[in-house]
Structure formats: C-alpha cells, structure tokens
Amino acid sequence: MVLTTTKAKPLMEAALGARALRQDLIAGNISNIDTPFYKARDVDFESALREKRRQMYGDNDSKKLELAKTNPKHLSSVDDFSSTKATLFLRDGHMARNDGNTVDLDVETSELSKNSVMFNAITAALKKNSAIFKSVLDASAKV
C-alpha cells in the first residue's frame, strides 16, 4: 500500500528524478569534455514535468489559471502572462572547439550549480511535506 500525503508529492518525486537525471547528463558532458565530436546532452525538464502533471491531474493543458470567485464583485483574472511561455535552449548551438566537441565548461558548471540548487529545493520541500504530515499524525495520536 502506497500512502500519498498530498497530490503534489508524486509531482515533486518526479521532479526530483528528472533533476537527478539532468545531474547525470551534465556530469557526463563534463567527463567527455576532451572527446572529439561529442555533443553536449541535456533533458527538457519542463516537458517531463508537464507530462507528469498531465498524467496526474488530467489532460487540461490550459495555461490559464482559473480563479475561484466567491463574490460577483471579485476582479477577473488576467488573460496573458509572458512568464507562462516556456523558453527553449539548444545546448549544441555552438561549436566550442575545432574538434567538433560542443561541451563548454562554463555552461556546464553553471547548469550544474543551477540544477543542484533546484534539487536541494525540491528535497527541502519533500522534507517539509513529510514533517507536516508527521506533525498531523503526532497530534492525532494525542487525542
């Protein structure tokens, strides 16, 4: 029996798995920095997370956030935000050296550090989620 504390926990676990995969790919890129004709690899993290969300919450791919209106005098939502549009980065768009290798150590190390920060944030969120659930169980045991 699998106990799910919140609907967001499986999404956070999938995000953690995708971040771990991205960490492995970046480490592989760095380890192949001297391999001729090696192409830098990356994972489209946003698409993987979007697919997991679609599986969990249904096929609604709308970018619009539906707001609950409990009073007819409430303001309606804004229709378009530019922040909801994904940005696509092509990692192999430039040649770093004459041997055909596209690994750029500066790019890889900055992506590695960004990924580490996100990995740690997701881990902290999962720990916080577990701590909240544990405190509810402890409180209910005292009743």
N, C-alpha and C. Protein backbone atom coordinates (compact mmCIF):
# COMPACT_ATOMS: atom_id res chain seq x y z
N MET A 1 0.84 -1.19 0.00
CA MET A 1 0.00 0.00 0.00
C MET A 1 0.89 1.25 0.00
N VAL A 2 0.63 2.15 -0.93
CA VAL A 2 1.39 3.39 -1.02
C VAL A 2 0.57 4.51 -0.41
N LEU A 3 1.17 5.21 0.53
CA LEU A 3 0.49 6.30 1.20
C LEU A 3 0.92 7.62 0.57
N THR A 4 -0.05 8.34 0.01
CA THR A 4 0.23 9.63 -0.60
C THR A 4 -0.33 10.71 0.30
N THR A 5 0.54 11.59 0.78
CA THR A 5 0.10 12.62 1.71
C THR A 5 -0.57 13.78 0.99
N THR A 6 -0.07 14.15 -0.16
CA THR A 6 -0.66 15.23 -0.96
C THR A 6 -0.59 14.86 -2.43
N LYS A 7 -1.38 15.56 -3.23
CA LYS A 7 -1.31 15.32 -4.68
C LYS A 7 -0.01 15.85 -5.27
N ALA A 8 0.63 16.76 -4.59
CA ALA A 8 1.87 17.34 -5.10
C ALA A 8 3.09 16.45 -4.85
N LYS A 9 3.00 15.51 -3.90
CA LYS A 9 4.16 14.67 -3.57
C LYS A 9 4.64 13.85 -4.76
N PRO A 10 3.77 13.16 -5.53
CA PRO A 10 4.28 12.44 -6.70
C PRO A 10 4.91 13.35 -7.75
N LEU A 11 4.39 14.57 -7.85
CA LEU A 11 4.96 15.53 -8.80
C LEU A 11 6.35 15.96 -8.33
N MET A 12 6.51 16.18 -7.04
CA MET A 12 7.83 16.54 -6.50
C MET A 12 8.81 15.38 -6.65
N GLU A 13 8.32 14.15 -6.47
CA GLU A 13 9.19 12.99 -6.64
C GLU A 13 9.64 12.84 -8.10
N ALA A 14 8.71 13.12 -9.03
CA ALA A 14 9.07 13.06 -10.46
C ALA A 14 10.07 14.17 -10.79
N ALA A 15 9.89 15.34 -10.20
CA ALA A 15 10.82 16.45 -10.42
C ALA A 15 12.20 16.11 -9.87
N LEU A 16 12.22 15.44 -8.73
CA LEU A 16 13.49 15.02 -8.15
C LEU A 16 14.20 14.01 -9.05
N GLY A 17 13.45 13.08 -9.61
CA GLY A 17 14.02 12.11 -10.55
C GLY A 17 14.56 12.77 -11.80
N ALA A 18 13.82 13.74 -12.33
CA ALA A 18 14.27 14.45 -13.54
C ALA A 18 15.52 15.28 -13.25
N ARG A 19 15.56 15.89 -12.07
CA ARG A 19 16.76 16.67 -11.70
C ARG A 19 17.97 15.75 -11.52
N ALA A 20 17.76 14.56 -10.97
CA ALA A 20 18.86 13.60 -10.83
C ALA A 20 19.36 13.16 -12.20
N LEU A 21 18.43 12.93 -13.13
CA LEU A 21 18.83 12.57 -14.50
C LEU A 21 19.61 13.70 -15.15
N ARG A 22 19.16 14.93 -14.95
CA ARG A 22 19.86 16.09 -15.52
C ARG A 22 21.27 16.22 -14.93
N GLN A 23 21.39 15.94 -13.63
CA GLN A 23 22.70 15.98 -12.98
C GLN A 23 23.64 14.97 -13.63
N ASP A 24 23.12 13.76 -13.89
CA ASP A 24 23.94 12.73 -14.53
C ASP A 24 24.35 13.13 -15.94
N LEU A 25 23.43 13.73 -16.69
CA LEU A 25 23.76 14.15 -18.06
C LEU A 25 24.82 15.25 -18.07
N ILE A 26 24.70 16.21 -17.18
CA ILE A 26 25.68 17.29 -17.12
C ILE A 26 27.05 16.74 -16.70
N ALA A 27 27.04 15.83 -15.73
CA ALA A 27 28.31 15.21 -15.31
C ALA A 27 28.92 14.43 -16.47
N GLY A 28 28.09 13.78 -17.27
CA GLY A 28 28.59 13.07 -18.45
C GLY A 28 29.17 14.02 -19.47
N ASN A 29 28.54 15.18 -19.63
CA ASN A 29 29.06 16.19 -20.55
C ASN A 29 30.45 16.65 -20.10
N ILE A 30 30.58 16.91 -18.80
CA ILE A 30 31.87 17.38 -18.29
C ILE A 30 32.94 16.30 -18.43
N SER A 31 32.55 15.06 -18.20
CA SER A 31 33.55 13.99 -18.30
C SER A 31 33.99 13.74 -19.74
N ASN A 32 33.18 14.15 -20.72
CA ASN A 32 33.53 13.97 -22.13
C ASN A 32 34.02 15.27 -22.76
N ILE A 33 34.55 16.18 -21.97
CA ILE A 33 34.96 17.48 -22.49
C ILE A 33 36.11 17.35 -23.49
N ASP A 34 36.90 16.28 -23.40
CA ASP A 34 38.02 16.09 -24.33
C ASP A 34 37.73 15.05 -25.41
N THR A 35 36.50 14.59 -25.51
CA THR A 35 36.14 13.59 -26.51
C THR A 35 35.80 14.29 -27.83
N PRO A 36 36.52 14.00 -28.90
CA PRO A 36 36.22 14.66 -30.19
C PRO A 36 34.81 14.31 -30.68
N PHE A 37 34.14 15.30 -31.23
CA PHE A 37 32.80 15.19 -31.81
C PHE A 37 31.71 14.82 -30.81
N TYR A 38 31.98 14.95 -29.52
CA TYR A 38 30.95 14.69 -28.51
C TYR A 38 30.00 15.88 -28.49
N LYS A 39 28.71 15.60 -28.47
CA LYS A 39 27.68 16.64 -28.42
C LYS A 39 27.12 16.72 -27.00
N ALA A 40 27.07 17.91 -26.45
CA ALA A 40 26.53 18.11 -25.10
C ALA A 40 25.06 17.69 -25.06
N ARG A 41 24.70 16.98 -24.01
CA ARG A 41 23.34 16.45 -23.87
C ARG A 41 22.65 17.12 -22.70
N ASP A 42 21.33 17.22 -22.82
CA ASP A 42 20.52 17.79 -21.74
C ASP A 42 19.13 17.21 -21.83
N VAL A 43 18.37 17.33 -20.78
CA VAL A 43 17.00 16.86 -20.75
C VAL A 43 16.07 18.07 -20.70
N ASP A 44 14.95 17.97 -21.41
CA ASP A 44 13.96 19.03 -21.38
C ASP A 44 13.12 18.83 -20.12
N PHE A 45 13.58 19.43 -19.03
CA PHE A 45 12.98 19.24 -17.72
C PHE A 45 11.53 19.67 -17.69
N GLU A 46 11.22 20.79 -18.31
CA GLU A 46 9.86 21.31 -18.26
C GLU A 46 8.87 20.38 -18.95
N SER A 47 9.25 19.79 -20.07
CA SER A 47 8.35 18.87 -20.77
C SER A 47 8.10 17.62 -19.95
N ALA A 48 9.12 17.10 -19.30
CA ALA A 48 8.96 15.91 -18.47
C ALA A 48 8.02 16.19 -17.30
N LEU A 49 8.17 17.35 -16.68
CA LEU A 49 7.30 17.71 -15.56
C LEU A 49 5.88 17.99 -16.03
N ARG A 50 5.75 18.63 -17.19
CA ARG A 50 4.43 18.90 -17.76
C ARG A 50 3.69 17.60 -18.05
N GLU A 51 4.41 16.61 -18.58
CA GLU A 51 3.80 15.31 -18.89
C GLU A 51 3.36 14.61 -17.61
N LYS A 52 4.17 14.67 -16.56
CA LYS A 52 3.81 14.06 -15.28
C LYS A 52 2.58 14.75 -14.69
N ARG A 53 2.53 16.07 -14.79
CA ARG A 53 1.37 16.81 -14.29
C ARG A 53 0.13 16.43 -15.07
N ARG A 54 0.26 16.28 -16.38
CA ARG A 54 -0.87 15.90 -17.23
C ARG A 54 -1.39 14.52 -16.83
N GLN A 55 -0.48 13.59 -16.53
CA GLN A 55 -0.89 12.26 -16.09
C GLN A 55 -1.62 12.32 -14.75
N MET A 56 -1.15 13.16 -13.85
CA MET A 56 -1.72 13.21 -12.51
C MET A 56 -3.04 13.96 -12.44
N TYR A 57 -3.11 15.10 -13.11
CA TYR A 57 -4.25 15.99 -12.95
C TYR A 57 -5.19 16.01 -14.14
N GLY A 58 -4.94 15.21 -15.16
CA GLY A 58 -5.81 15.19 -16.32
C GLY A 58 -5.15 15.85 -17.52
N ASP A 59 -5.88 15.89 -18.62
CA ASP A 59 -5.32 16.37 -19.88
C ASP A 59 -5.52 17.86 -20.11
N ASN A 60 -5.89 18.61 -19.11
CA ASN A 60 -6.08 20.05 -19.28
C ASN A 60 -4.73 20.72 -19.45
N ASP A 61 -4.42 21.17 -20.66
CA ASP A 61 -3.14 21.80 -20.95
C ASP A 61 -3.27 23.32 -21.04
N SER A 62 -4.32 23.84 -20.45
CA SER A 62 -4.55 25.27 -20.49
C SER A 62 -3.50 25.99 -19.65
N LYS A 63 -3.00 27.10 -20.16
CA LYS A 63 -2.01 27.89 -19.44
C LYS A 63 -2.69 28.92 -18.54
N LYS A 64 -4.01 28.98 -18.59
CA LYS A 64 -4.73 29.98 -17.83
C LYS A 64 -5.08 29.43 -16.45
N LEU A 65 -4.78 30.20 -15.44
CA LEU A 65 -5.10 29.84 -14.08
C LEU A 65 -6.54 30.25 -13.80
N GLU A 66 -7.38 29.28 -13.52
CA GLU A 66 -8.77 29.56 -13.20
C GLU A 66 -8.88 29.97 -11.74
N LEU A 67 -9.45 31.12 -11.48
CA LEU A 67 -9.59 31.62 -10.13
C LEU A 67 -11.01 31.39 -9.63
N ALA A 68 -11.13 31.05 -8.38
CA ALA A 68 -12.44 30.88 -7.78
C ALA A 68 -12.99 32.26 -7.42
N LYS A 69 -14.23 32.51 -7.82
CA LYS A 69 -14.87 33.79 -7.50
C LYS A 69 -16.04 33.50 -6.57
N THR A 70 -15.89 33.91 -5.32
CA THR A 70 -16.94 33.68 -4.33
C THR A 70 -17.89 34.86 -4.24
N ASN A 71 -17.55 35.92 -4.93
CA ASN A 71 -18.38 37.12 -4.92
C ASN A 71 -18.37 37.70 -6.33
N PRO A 72 -19.53 38.11 -6.86
CA PRO A 72 -19.55 38.66 -8.22
C PRO A 72 -18.75 39.95 -8.38
N LYS A 73 -18.38 40.60 -7.28
CA LYS A 73 -17.59 41.83 -7.35
C LYS A 73 -16.09 41.57 -7.44
N HIS A 74 -15.67 40.31 -7.36
CA HIS A 74 -14.25 39.99 -7.49
C HIS A 74 -13.76 40.32 -8.89
N LEU A 75 -12.51 40.72 -8.99
CA LEU A 75 -11.91 41.01 -10.29
C LEU A 75 -11.67 39.71 -11.05
N SER A 76 -11.73 39.80 -12.37
CA SER A 76 -11.45 38.61 -13.18
C SER A 76 -9.94 38.48 -13.36
N SER A 77 -9.51 37.29 -13.78
CA SER A 77 -8.08 37.02 -13.92
C SER A 77 -7.52 37.68 -15.17
N VAL A 78 -6.21 37.87 -15.18
CA VAL A 78 -5.51 38.41 -16.33
C VAL A 78 -5.34 37.28 -17.35
N ASP A 79 -5.54 37.57 -18.63
CA ASP A 79 -5.55 36.52 -19.64
C ASP A 79 -4.17 36.08 -20.11
N ASP A 80 -3.18 36.96 -20.14
CA ASP A 80 -1.91 36.57 -20.74
C ASP A 80 -0.74 37.03 -19.89
N PHE A 81 0.11 36.09 -19.54
CA PHE A 81 1.37 36.40 -18.87
C PHE A 81 2.48 35.83 -19.72
N SER A 82 3.51 36.58 -19.94
CA SER A 82 4.62 36.06 -20.74
C SER A 82 5.43 35.03 -19.97
N SER A 83 5.32 35.01 -18.64
CA SER A 83 6.08 34.05 -17.86
C SER A 83 5.55 32.63 -17.99
N THR A 84 4.34 32.46 -18.55
CA THR A 84 3.80 31.11 -18.69
C THR A 84 4.33 30.42 -19.94
N LYS A 85 5.02 31.14 -20.80
CA LYS A 85 5.55 30.54 -22.02
C LYS A 85 6.96 29.99 -21.75
N ALA A 86 7.17 28.75 -22.13
CA ALA A 86 8.47 28.10 -21.88
C ALA A 86 9.54 28.66 -22.80
N THR A 87 10.76 28.68 -22.33
CA THR A 87 11.90 29.10 -23.12
C THR A 87 12.70 27.86 -23.48
N LEU A 88 13.05 27.75 -24.74
CA LEU A 88 13.79 26.59 -25.21
C LEU A 88 15.25 26.96 -25.43
N PHE A 89 16.15 26.16 -24.85
CA PHE A 89 17.58 26.38 -25.02
C PHE A 89 18.17 25.20 -25.78
N LEU A 90 18.89 25.49 -26.84
CA LEU A 90 19.59 24.44 -27.58
C LEU A 90 21.02 24.41 -27.10
N ARG A 91 21.43 23.31 -26.49
CA ARG A 91 22.76 23.21 -25.90
C ARG A 91 23.85 23.04 -26.95
N ASP A 92 23.52 22.49 -28.13
CA ASP A 92 24.54 22.23 -29.14
C ASP A 92 24.54 23.29 -30.25
N GLY A 93 24.11 24.47 -29.96
CA GLY A 93 24.01 25.51 -30.97
C GLY A 93 25.32 26.18 -31.33
N HIS A 94 26.39 25.86 -30.64
CA HIS A 94 27.68 26.48 -30.95
C HIS A 94 28.79 25.44 -30.86
N MET A 95 29.82 25.67 -31.57
CA MET A 95 31.00 24.79 -31.51
C MET A 95 32.01 25.46 -30.59
N ALA A 96 32.37 24.76 -29.53
CA ALA A 96 33.32 25.33 -28.58
C ALA A 96 34.75 25.21 -29.08
N ARG A 97 35.03 24.14 -29.84
CA ARG A 97 36.40 23.91 -30.29
C ARG A 97 36.39 23.39 -31.72
N ASN A 98 37.59 23.29 -32.29
CA ASN A 98 37.72 22.81 -33.67
C ASN A 98 37.50 21.31 -33.83
N ASP A 99 37.55 20.53 -32.75
CA ASP A 99 37.38 19.08 -32.85
C ASP A 99 35.92 18.65 -32.89
N GLY A 100 34.98 19.59 -32.93
CA GLY A 100 33.57 19.26 -33.03
C GLY A 100 32.88 19.03 -31.70
N ASN A 101 33.58 19.13 -30.60
CA ASN A 101 33.01 18.95 -29.28
C ASN A 101 32.25 20.21 -28.89
N THR A 102 31.00 20.05 -28.44
CA THR A 102 30.18 21.22 -28.10
C THR A 102 30.10 21.48 -26.60
N VAL A 103 30.90 20.77 -25.80
CA VAL A 103 30.85 20.96 -24.36
C VAL A 103 31.62 22.22 -23.99
N ASP A 104 30.95 23.14 -23.33
CA ASP A 104 31.56 24.37 -22.83
C ASP A 104 31.57 24.27 -21.31
N LEU A 105 32.75 24.24 -20.72
CA LEU A 105 32.87 24.02 -19.28
C LEU A 105 32.14 25.09 -18.47
N ASP A 106 32.17 26.34 -18.92
CA ASP A 106 31.47 27.41 -18.21
C ASP A 106 29.96 27.16 -18.19
N VAL A 107 29.41 26.78 -19.33
CA VAL A 107 27.98 26.49 -19.42
C VAL A 107 27.62 25.30 -18.55
N GLU A 108 28.41 24.25 -18.63
CA GLU A 108 28.12 23.03 -17.87
C GLU A 108 28.18 23.26 -16.37
N THR A 109 29.19 23.99 -15.90
CA THR A 109 29.29 24.22 -14.46
C THR A 109 28.18 25.13 -13.95
N SER A 110 27.77 26.12 -14.74
CA SER A 110 26.66 26.96 -14.30
C SER A 110 25.34 26.18 -14.31
N GLU A 111 25.13 25.33 -15.31
CA GLU A 111 23.93 24.49 -15.33
C GLU A 111 23.94 23.48 -14.19
N LEU A 112 25.13 22.98 -13.87
CA LEU A 112 25.26 22.04 -12.76
C LEU A 112 24.90 22.70 -11.44
N SER A 113 25.36 23.91 -11.24
CA SER A 113 25.05 24.61 -9.98
C SER A 113 23.57 24.99 -9.91
N LYS A 114 22.97 25.42 -11.03
CA LYS A 114 21.54 25.72 -11.03
C LYS A 114 20.73 24.47 -10.73
N ASN A 115 21.12 23.36 -11.33
CA ASN A 115 20.41 22.11 -11.11
C ASN A 115 20.55 21.66 -9.66
N SER A 116 21.71 21.85 -9.06
CA SER A 116 21.92 21.48 -7.65
C SER A 116 21.04 22.29 -6.72
N VAL A 117 20.90 23.58 -7.01
CA VAL A 117 20.03 24.43 -6.20
C VAL A 117 18.58 23.95 -6.29
N MET A 118 18.12 23.63 -7.50
CA MET A 118 16.76 23.15 -7.68
C MET A 118 16.56 21.78 -7.02
N PHE A 119 17.54 20.90 -7.14
CA PHE A 119 17.48 19.59 -6.50
C PHE A 119 17.34 19.74 -4.99
N ASN A 120 18.15 20.63 -4.39
CA ASN A 120 18.09 20.87 -2.95
C ASN A 120 16.76 21.50 -2.54
N ALA A 121 16.21 22.36 -3.37
CA ALA A 121 14.91 22.98 -3.06
C ALA A 121 13.79 21.95 -3.07
N ILE A 122 13.81 21.06 -4.04
CA ILE A 122 12.79 20.01 -4.11
C ILE A 122 12.94 19.06 -2.92
N THR A 123 14.17 18.71 -2.58
CA THR A 123 14.41 17.85 -1.42
C THR A 123 13.90 18.50 -0.14
N ALA A 124 14.15 19.79 0.02
CA ALA A 124 13.67 20.51 1.20
C ALA A 124 12.14 20.54 1.23
N ALA A 125 11.51 20.71 0.07
CA ALA A 125 10.05 20.72 0.01
C ALA A 125 9.47 19.36 0.38
N LEU A 126 10.11 18.29 -0.07
CA LEU A 126 9.65 16.95 0.30
C LEU A 126 9.82 16.70 1.80
N LYS A 127 10.92 17.17 2.37
CA LYS A 127 11.13 17.02 3.81
C LYS A 127 10.09 17.80 4.60
N LYS A 128 9.79 19.00 4.14
CA LYS A 128 8.79 19.84 4.81
C LYS A 128 7.42 19.18 4.72
N ASN A 129 7.10 18.62 3.55
CA ASN A 129 5.83 17.93 3.36
C ASN A 129 5.71 16.75 4.33
N SER A 130 6.78 15.99 4.47
CA SER A 130 6.78 14.84 5.39
C SER A 130 6.68 15.30 6.84
N ALA A 131 7.34 16.39 7.19
CA ALA A 131 7.29 16.90 8.56
C ALA A 131 5.88 17.36 8.92
N ILE A 132 5.21 18.00 7.97
CA ILE A 132 3.83 18.44 8.22
C ILE A 132 2.93 17.23 8.44
N PHE A 133 3.07 16.23 7.60
CA PHE A 133 2.26 15.03 7.72
C PHE A 133 2.55 14.32 9.05
N LYS A 134 3.83 14.26 9.44
CA LYS A 134 4.20 13.63 10.71
C LYS A 134 3.62 14.39 11.88
N SER A 135 3.63 15.71 11.84
CA SER A 135 3.07 16.50 12.95
C SER A 135 1.57 16.28 13.06
N VAL A 136 0.88 16.09 11.94
CA VAL A 136 -0.56 15.80 11.99
C VAL A 136 -0.78 14.43 12.63
N LEU A 137 0.02 13.45 12.27
CA LEU A 137 -0.11 12.12 12.88
C LEU A 137 0.19 12.17 14.38
N ASP A 138 1.24 12.91 14.77
CA ASP A 138 1.58 13.02 16.19
C ASP A 138 0.46 13.71 16.96
N ALA A 139 -0.12 14.74 16.39
CA ALA A 139 -1.20 15.47 17.06
C ALA A 139 -2.45 14.61 17.18
N SER A 140 -2.73 13.80 16.17
CA SER A 140 -3.93 12.96 16.23
C SER A 140 -3.73 11.79 17.19
N ALA A 141 -2.49 11.39 17.44
CA ALA A 141 -2.23 10.31 18.39
C ALA A 141 -2.46 10.75 19.82
N LYS A 142 -2.35 12.03 20.07
CA LYS A 142 -2.53 12.56 21.43
C LYS A 142 -3.99 12.73 21.81
N VAL A 143 -4.86 12.68 20.81
CA VAL A 143 -6.29 12.89 21.08
C VAL A 143 -6.94 11.67 21.63
